Amino acid sequence: MDEEVERRIEYFHMLLGLAAGIVSGMFGASGGLIGLVTGYSGFFLTRIIFKLSQDDFPMNKWVSKGAMPFLMFWLPTWIFVYNL
């Protein structure tokens, strides 16, 4: 997998985290489950959208390229929207 695809995967998860943070914030304290389900489904969506196999995009690569950018956008957005 080249660097351009990895960058797009990170941007996709950042956008997904932003959207999940807004929705989670609107649901309040129970929005954590929504965010976690959205983040995990992002792993499968990434494989479908970018047409990657299990060998191209394993779970341990997703943790660094997908889950961390997602968490870095989802948690602050969720906290911010929840406290509005």
Protein backbone atom coordinates (compact mmCIF):
# COMPACT_ATOMS: atom_id res chain seq x y z
CA MET A 1 0.00 0.00 0.00
CA ASP A 2 1.44 3.35 -0.98
CA GLU A 3 1.59 6.52 1.08
CA GLU A 4 -1.23 8.24 -0.81
CA VAL A 5 -3.71 5.52 0.13
CA GLU A 6 -2.53 5.59 3.75
CA ARG A 7 -3.06 9.35 3.87
CA ARG A 8 -6.56 9.00 2.42
CA ILE A 9 -7.35 6.34 5.01
CA GLU A 10 -6.27 8.71 7.78
CA TYR A 11 -8.35 11.57 6.35
CA PHE A 12 -11.36 9.27 6.00
CA HIS A 13 -11.11 8.25 9.65
CA MET A 14 -10.65 11.86 10.76
CA LEU A 15 -13.84 12.84 8.93
CA LEU A 16 -15.63 9.80 10.32
CA GLY A 17 -14.47 10.74 13.83
CA LEU A 18 -15.75 14.29 13.40
CA ALA A 19 -19.16 13.08 12.27
CA ALA A 20 -19.35 10.43 15.00
CA GLY A 21 -18.35 13.03 17.60
CA ILE A 22 -21.19 15.32 16.60
CA VAL A 23 -23.75 12.50 16.67
CA SER A 24 -22.37 11.11 19.94
CA GLY A 25 -22.52 14.55 21.54
CA MET A 26 -26.17 14.89 20.62
CA PHE A 27 -26.97 11.56 22.25
CA GLY A 28 -25.22 12.57 25.45
CA ALA A 29 -23.51 10.14 27.79
CA SER A 30 -24.73 7.10 25.86
CA GLY A 31 -23.01 8.39 22.72
CA GLY A 32 -19.87 6.45 23.55
CA LEU A 33 -21.36 3.27 22.19
CA ILE A 34 -22.31 5.04 18.98
CA GLY A 35 -18.76 6.29 18.55
CA LEU A 36 -17.17 2.92 19.22
CA VAL A 37 -19.47 1.13 16.78
CA THR A 38 -18.84 3.81 14.15
CA GLY A 39 -15.09 3.58 14.65
CA TYR A 40 -15.00 -0.18 14.34
CA SER A 41 -17.24 -0.12 11.27
CA GLY A 42 -14.75 2.33 9.76
CA PHE A 43 -12.28 -0.55 9.58
CA PHE A 44 -14.60 -2.51 7.29
CA LEU A 45 -15.67 0.56 5.34
CA THR A 46 -12.03 1.33 4.62
CA ARG A 47 -11.50 -2.11 3.15
CA ILE A 48 -14.59 -1.72 0.95
CA ILE A 49 -14.00 1.86 -0.20
CA PHE A 50 -10.30 1.48 -0.96
CA LYS A 51 -10.66 -2.14 -2.19
CA LEU A 52 -8.05 -3.54 0.19
CA SER A 53 -7.56 -7.17 1.13
CA GLN A 54 -6.81 -8.54 4.58
CA ASP A 55 -3.15 -8.75 3.66
CA ASP A 56 -3.04 -5.11 2.49
CA PHE A 57 -4.81 -3.69 5.54
CA PRO A 58 -4.60 -5.93 8.65
CA MET A 59 -6.08 -5.01 12.01
CA ASN A 60 -2.74 -3.91 13.52
CA LYS A 61 -2.19 -1.43 10.68
CA TRP A 62 -5.71 -0.10 11.18
CA VAL A 63 -4.94 0.74 14.80
CA SER A 64 -2.23 3.20 13.75
CA LYS A 65 -3.70 4.49 10.48
CA GLY A 66 -7.40 4.46 11.33
CA ALA A 67 -8.27 4.08 14.98
CA MET A 68 -5.88 6.70 16.38
CA PRO A 69 -6.94 9.49 13.95
CA PHE A 70 -10.56 8.54 14.61
CA LEU A 71 -10.13 8.76 18.38
CA MET A 72 -8.21 12.03 18.16
CA PHE A 73 -11.18 13.65 16.41
CA TRP A 74 -14.08 11.75 17.93
CA LEU A 75 -13.35 12.27 21.65
CA PRO A 76 -12.74 16.05 21.62
CA THR A 77 -15.72 16.60 19.31
CA TRP A 78 -17.97 14.45 21.48
CA ILE A 79 -16.92 16.30 24.63
CA PHE A 80 -17.33 19.69 22.97
CA VAL A 81 -20.80 18.98 21.53
CA TYR A 82 -21.97 17.26 24.72
CA ASN A 83 -21.03 20.31 26.82
CA LEU A 84 -22.80 22.80 24.59
